[in-house]
Amino acid sequence: MNQTMRPRRNPLLQAEDLPSGETVVVRPQDGQAVVLNTMGGVVWDLCDGRHAVEDIAAFICSQLRGAALESVTRDVQALTQQLVVAGLVEDVDSCGKQPSTR
């Protein structure tokens, strides 16, 4: 995956933050829901098309003392790739084309 990906949430989705810290993302067209843990919810919130994957990882590292940027970046890349495959986010740099999943 391109490390300069700038993920943007699918605007057709609805999301709700739960008291547990989890975030539920629902696709209204089919009622399918995805539950993101607390950190996944932070990534989701930052998928606004302005933040690159590295920006998201750097923010998370700034909030977690001792977190290794390289490791967090890999985790954010993996999560955003899963969200792309699920149709929940897209790469704004792909001009509407889905990035390669290879």
N, C-alpha and C. Protein backbone atom coordinates (compact mmCIF):
# COMPACT_ATOMS: atom_id res chain seq x y z
N MET A 1 0.84 -1.18 0.00
CA MET A 1 0.00 0.00 0.00
C MET A 1 0.89 1.24 0.00
N ASN A 2 0.43 2.24 -0.67
CA ASN A 2 1.15 3.51 -0.75
C ASN A 2 1.13 4.17 0.63
N GLN A 3 2.32 4.48 1.16
CA GLN A 3 2.39 5.06 2.49
C GLN A 3 1.87 6.49 2.54
N THR A 4 1.71 7.13 1.39
CA THR A 4 1.21 8.49 1.40
C THR A 4 -0.31 8.53 1.26
N MET A 5 -0.95 7.42 1.44
CA MET A 5 -2.40 7.36 1.35
C MET A 5 -3.03 8.37 2.31
N ARG A 6 -4.02 9.08 1.82
CA ARG A 6 -4.81 9.98 2.66
C ARG A 6 -6.23 9.45 2.69
N PRO A 7 -6.54 8.61 3.69
CA PRO A 7 -7.86 7.97 3.72
C PRO A 7 -8.97 8.95 4.08
N ARG A 8 -10.13 8.73 3.43
CA ARG A 8 -11.32 9.55 3.69
C ARG A 8 -12.49 8.60 3.92
N ARG A 9 -13.26 8.87 4.98
CA ARG A 9 -14.43 8.06 5.30
C ARG A 9 -15.45 8.12 4.16
N ASN A 10 -16.12 7.03 3.93
CA ASN A 10 -17.23 6.99 2.98
C ASN A 10 -18.34 7.86 3.55
N PRO A 11 -18.77 8.90 2.83
CA PRO A 11 -19.77 9.83 3.37
C PRO A 11 -21.17 9.22 3.54
N LEU A 12 -21.40 8.05 2.97
CA LEU A 12 -22.71 7.41 3.08
C LEU A 12 -22.86 6.61 4.37
N LEU A 13 -21.80 6.52 5.14
CA LEU A 13 -21.83 5.71 6.36
C LEU A 13 -22.24 6.54 7.57
N GLN A 14 -22.75 5.84 8.55
CA GLN A 14 -23.10 6.46 9.83
C GLN A 14 -22.20 5.84 10.89
N ALA A 15 -21.72 6.67 11.81
CA ALA A 15 -20.86 6.17 12.87
C ALA A 15 -21.35 6.70 14.21
N GLU A 16 -21.16 5.88 15.23
CA GLU A 16 -21.55 6.28 16.58
C GLU A 16 -20.48 5.81 17.56
N ASP A 17 -20.07 6.71 18.42
CA ASP A 17 -19.12 6.37 19.48
C ASP A 17 -19.90 5.80 20.65
N LEU A 18 -19.45 4.67 21.15
CA LEU A 18 -20.10 4.01 22.28
C LEU A 18 -19.43 4.42 23.58
N PRO A 19 -20.14 4.34 24.71
CA PRO A 19 -19.53 4.68 26.00
C PRO A 19 -18.30 3.84 26.32
N SER A 20 -18.21 2.64 25.74
CA SER A 20 -17.06 1.76 25.98
C SER A 20 -15.80 2.25 25.30
N GLY A 21 -15.93 3.26 24.42
CA GLY A 21 -14.80 3.76 23.66
C GLY A 21 -14.75 3.21 22.25
N GLU A 22 -15.56 2.21 21.98
CA GLU A 22 -15.62 1.64 20.64
C GLU A 22 -16.43 2.55 19.72
N THR A 23 -16.24 2.37 18.42
CA THR A 23 -16.99 3.11 17.42
C THR A 23 -17.70 2.11 16.52
N VAL A 24 -18.99 2.30 16.31
CA VAL A 24 -19.76 1.44 15.41
C VAL A 24 -19.98 2.21 14.12
N VAL A 25 -19.60 1.59 13.00
CA VAL A 25 -19.79 2.18 11.68
C VAL A 25 -20.82 1.32 10.96
N VAL A 26 -21.90 1.97 10.48
CA VAL A 26 -23.01 1.25 9.85
C VAL A 26 -23.17 1.71 8.41
N ARG A 27 -23.34 0.72 7.52
CA ARG A 27 -23.67 1.02 6.14
C ARG A 27 -25.19 0.98 6.03
N PRO A 28 -25.85 2.14 5.90
CA PRO A 28 -27.31 2.18 5.88
C PRO A 28 -27.93 1.37 4.76
N GLN A 29 -27.23 1.25 3.63
CA GLN A 29 -27.80 0.56 2.49
C GLN A 29 -28.04 -0.93 2.74
N ASP A 30 -27.23 -1.56 3.59
CA ASP A 30 -27.43 -2.98 3.86
C ASP A 30 -27.46 -3.31 5.36
N GLY A 31 -27.32 -2.29 6.22
CA GLY A 31 -27.37 -2.50 7.66
C GLY A 31 -26.15 -3.17 8.23
N GLN A 32 -25.14 -3.42 7.42
CA GLN A 32 -23.93 -4.07 7.91
C GLN A 32 -23.18 -3.10 8.83
N ALA A 33 -22.68 -3.64 9.94
CA ALA A 33 -21.98 -2.81 10.93
C ALA A 33 -20.58 -3.36 11.18
N VAL A 34 -19.68 -2.44 11.46
CA VAL A 34 -18.30 -2.78 11.84
C VAL A 34 -18.04 -2.08 13.16
N VAL A 35 -17.48 -2.82 14.11
CA VAL A 35 -17.14 -2.25 15.41
C VAL A 35 -15.63 -2.07 15.47
N LEU A 36 -15.22 -0.84 15.73
CA LEU A 36 -13.80 -0.51 15.86
C LEU A 36 -13.46 -0.32 17.33
N ASN A 37 -12.31 -0.83 17.75
CA ASN A 37 -11.89 -0.60 19.13
C ASN A 37 -11.53 0.87 19.30
N THR A 38 -11.12 1.25 20.50
CA THR A 38 -10.84 2.67 20.79
C THR A 38 -9.82 3.25 19.82
N MET A 39 -8.72 2.54 19.59
CA MET A 39 -7.70 3.07 18.69
C MET A 39 -8.21 3.10 17.26
N GLY A 40 -8.99 2.10 16.88
CA GLY A 40 -9.60 2.11 15.55
C GLY A 40 -10.53 3.30 15.37
N GLY A 41 -11.22 3.68 16.44
CA GLY A 41 -12.08 4.86 16.40
C GLY A 41 -11.29 6.14 16.21
N VAL A 42 -10.11 6.21 16.82
CA VAL A 42 -9.24 7.38 16.63
C VAL A 42 -8.81 7.45 15.17
N VAL A 43 -8.40 6.32 14.62
CA VAL A 43 -8.01 6.28 13.20
C VAL A 43 -9.19 6.70 12.34
N TRP A 44 -10.37 6.15 12.61
CA TRP A 44 -11.59 6.48 11.86
C TRP A 44 -11.83 7.99 11.87
N ASP A 45 -11.74 8.59 13.04
CA ASP A 45 -11.98 10.03 13.15
C ASP A 45 -11.00 10.84 12.31
N LEU A 46 -9.78 10.34 12.18
CA LEU A 46 -8.75 11.07 11.43
C LEU A 46 -8.75 10.75 9.94
N CYS A 47 -9.61 9.84 9.52
CA CYS A 47 -9.75 9.53 8.09
C CYS A 47 -10.66 10.59 7.45
N ASP A 48 -10.11 11.78 7.29
CA ASP A 48 -10.89 12.91 6.78
C ASP A 48 -10.41 13.38 5.42
N GLY A 49 -9.45 12.66 4.84
CA GLY A 49 -8.91 13.03 3.54
C GLY A 49 -7.80 14.06 3.60
N ARG A 50 -7.58 14.63 4.77
CA ARG A 50 -6.51 15.62 4.93
C ARG A 50 -5.28 15.00 5.57
N HIS A 51 -5.48 13.98 6.40
CA HIS A 51 -4.37 13.35 7.12
C HIS A 51 -3.87 12.13 6.36
N ALA A 52 -2.57 12.09 6.13
CA ALA A 52 -1.94 10.90 5.55
C ALA A 52 -1.81 9.85 6.65
N VAL A 53 -1.60 8.61 6.24
CA VAL A 53 -1.42 7.52 7.20
C VAL A 53 -0.33 7.87 8.21
N GLU A 54 0.77 8.45 7.73
CA GLU A 54 1.87 8.82 8.64
C GLU A 54 1.44 9.88 9.64
N ASP A 55 0.58 10.81 9.23
CA ASP A 55 0.08 11.84 10.14
C ASP A 55 -0.75 11.20 11.26
N ILE A 56 -1.58 10.25 10.86
CA ILE A 56 -2.44 9.56 11.83
C ILE A 56 -1.55 8.80 12.83
N ALA A 57 -0.56 8.09 12.31
CA ALA A 57 0.35 7.34 13.20
C ALA A 57 1.12 8.27 14.13
N ALA A 58 1.58 9.40 13.60
CA ALA A 58 2.32 10.35 14.43
C ALA A 58 1.43 10.91 15.55
N PHE A 59 0.16 11.18 15.24
CA PHE A 59 -0.76 11.67 16.27
C PHE A 59 -0.93 10.62 17.36
N ILE A 60 -1.14 9.38 16.96
CA ILE A 60 -1.32 8.30 17.95
C ILE A 60 -0.06 8.19 18.82
N CYS A 61 1.10 8.25 18.21
CA CYS A 61 2.35 8.18 18.98
C CYS A 61 2.48 9.34 19.95
N SER A 62 1.99 10.51 19.56
CA SER A 62 2.07 11.66 20.46
C SER A 62 1.18 11.49 21.68
N GLN A 63 0.17 10.62 21.56
CA GLN A 63 -0.75 10.38 22.66
C GLN A 63 -0.35 9.19 23.53
N LEU A 64 0.48 8.32 22.97
CA LEU A 64 0.89 7.11 23.68
C LEU A 64 2.38 7.15 23.96
N ARG A 65 2.74 7.36 25.18
CA ARG A 65 4.16 7.40 25.53
C ARG A 65 4.80 6.05 25.27
N GLY A 66 5.95 6.11 24.64
CA GLY A 66 6.71 4.89 24.40
C GLY A 66 6.30 4.11 23.16
N ALA A 67 5.29 4.57 22.44
CA ALA A 67 4.87 3.87 21.23
C ALA A 67 5.88 4.12 20.11
N ALA A 68 6.26 3.07 19.42
CA ALA A 68 7.24 3.18 18.33
C ALA A 68 6.53 3.60 17.05
N LEU A 69 6.97 4.68 16.45
CA LEU A 69 6.33 5.22 15.25
C LEU A 69 6.25 4.18 14.14
N GLU A 70 7.32 3.45 13.92
CA GLU A 70 7.33 2.44 12.85
C GLU A 70 6.24 1.40 13.05
N SER A 71 6.11 0.91 14.27
CA SER A 71 5.10 -0.10 14.59
C SER A 71 3.69 0.46 14.45
N VAL A 72 3.47 1.65 14.98
CA VAL A 72 2.15 2.27 14.90
C VAL A 72 1.79 2.55 13.44
N THR A 73 2.75 3.00 12.65
CA THR A 73 2.49 3.26 11.24
C THR A 73 2.06 1.97 10.52
N ARG A 74 2.74 0.87 10.80
CA ARG A 74 2.34 -0.42 10.21
C ARG A 74 0.92 -0.79 10.60
N ASP A 75 0.57 -0.59 11.88
CA ASP A 75 -0.77 -0.91 12.35
C ASP A 75 -1.83 -0.03 11.68
N VAL A 76 -1.53 1.26 11.56
CA VAL A 76 -2.48 2.18 10.92
C VAL A 76 -2.62 1.82 9.44
N GLN A 77 -1.52 1.47 8.78
CA GLN A 77 -1.59 1.06 7.38
C GLN A 77 -2.46 -0.18 7.23
N ALA A 78 -2.27 -1.15 8.11
CA ALA A 78 -3.06 -2.38 8.03
C ALA A 78 -4.54 -2.09 8.25
N LEU A 79 -4.85 -1.27 9.25
CA LEU A 79 -6.25 -0.96 9.51
C LEU A 79 -6.88 -0.20 8.36
N THR A 80 -6.19 0.82 7.85
CA THR A 80 -6.78 1.60 6.76
C THR A 80 -6.96 0.73 5.52
N GLN A 81 -6.05 -0.21 5.29
CA GLN A 81 -6.21 -1.12 4.15
C GLN A 81 -7.45 -1.98 4.34
N GLN A 82 -7.68 -2.46 5.56
CA GLN A 82 -8.88 -3.25 5.83
C GLN A 82 -10.14 -2.41 5.62
N LEU A 83 -10.08 -1.14 6.02
CA LEU A 83 -11.23 -0.26 5.84
C LEU A 83 -11.48 0.02 4.36
N VAL A 84 -10.41 0.12 3.56
CA VAL A 84 -10.55 0.30 2.11
C VAL A 84 -11.24 -0.92 1.50
N VAL A 85 -10.74 -2.10 1.84
CA VAL A 85 -11.29 -3.34 1.29
C VAL A 85 -12.78 -3.48 1.66
N ALA A 86 -13.13 -3.05 2.87
CA ALA A 86 -14.53 -3.13 3.33
C ALA A 86 -15.40 -2.02 2.74
N GLY A 87 -14.78 -1.08 2.01
CA GLY A 87 -15.54 0.01 1.41
C GLY A 87 -15.91 1.12 2.39
N LEU A 88 -15.22 1.17 3.52
CA LEU A 88 -15.53 2.17 4.53
C LEU A 88 -14.75 3.46 4.34
N VAL A 89 -13.57 3.36 3.74
CA VAL A 89 -12.77 4.55 3.42
C VAL A 89 -12.22 4.40 2.01
N GLU A 90 -11.79 5.54 1.45
CA GLU A 90 -11.12 5.53 0.16
C GLU A 90 -9.90 6.43 0.25
N ASP A 91 -9.00 6.25 -0.69
CA ASP A 91 -7.80 7.08 -0.74
C ASP A 91 -8.11 8.29 -1.61
N VAL A 92 -8.07 9.50 -1.03
CA VAL A 92 -8.40 10.69 -1.81
C VAL A 92 -7.41 10.92 -2.93
N ASP A 93 -6.20 10.36 -2.83
CA ASP A 93 -5.21 10.53 -3.88
C ASP A 93 -5.42 9.59 -5.06
N SER A 94 -6.39 8.66 -4.93
CA SER A 94 -6.62 7.72 -6.02
C SER A 94 -7.62 8.26 -7.04
N CYS A 95 -8.11 9.50 -6.82
CA CYS A 95 -9.07 10.14 -7.75
C CYS A 95 -10.30 9.28 -7.95
N GLY A 96 -10.79 8.68 -6.86
CA GLY A 96 -12.01 7.89 -6.93
C GLY A 96 -11.75 6.42 -7.28
N LYS A 97 -10.53 6.08 -7.67
CA LYS A 97 -10.20 4.69 -7.96
C LYS A 97 -9.77 4.02 -6.67
N GLN A 98 -10.17 2.80 -6.48
CA GLN A 98 -9.75 2.07 -5.28
C GLN A 98 -8.28 1.72 -5.41
N PRO A 99 -7.49 1.96 -4.37
CA PRO A 99 -6.08 1.58 -4.42
C PRO A 99 -5.95 0.09 -4.53
N SER A 100 -4.85 -0.36 -5.06
CA SER A 100 -4.57 -1.77 -5.20
C SER A 100 -4.52 -2.42 -3.83
N THR A 101 -5.08 -3.61 -3.71
CA THR A 101 -5.06 -4.33 -2.44
C THR A 101 -3.91 -5.33 -2.41
N ARG A 102 -3.03 -5.27 -3.39
CA ARG A 102 -1.88 -6.18 -3.43
C ARG A 102 -0.72 -5.62 -2.69
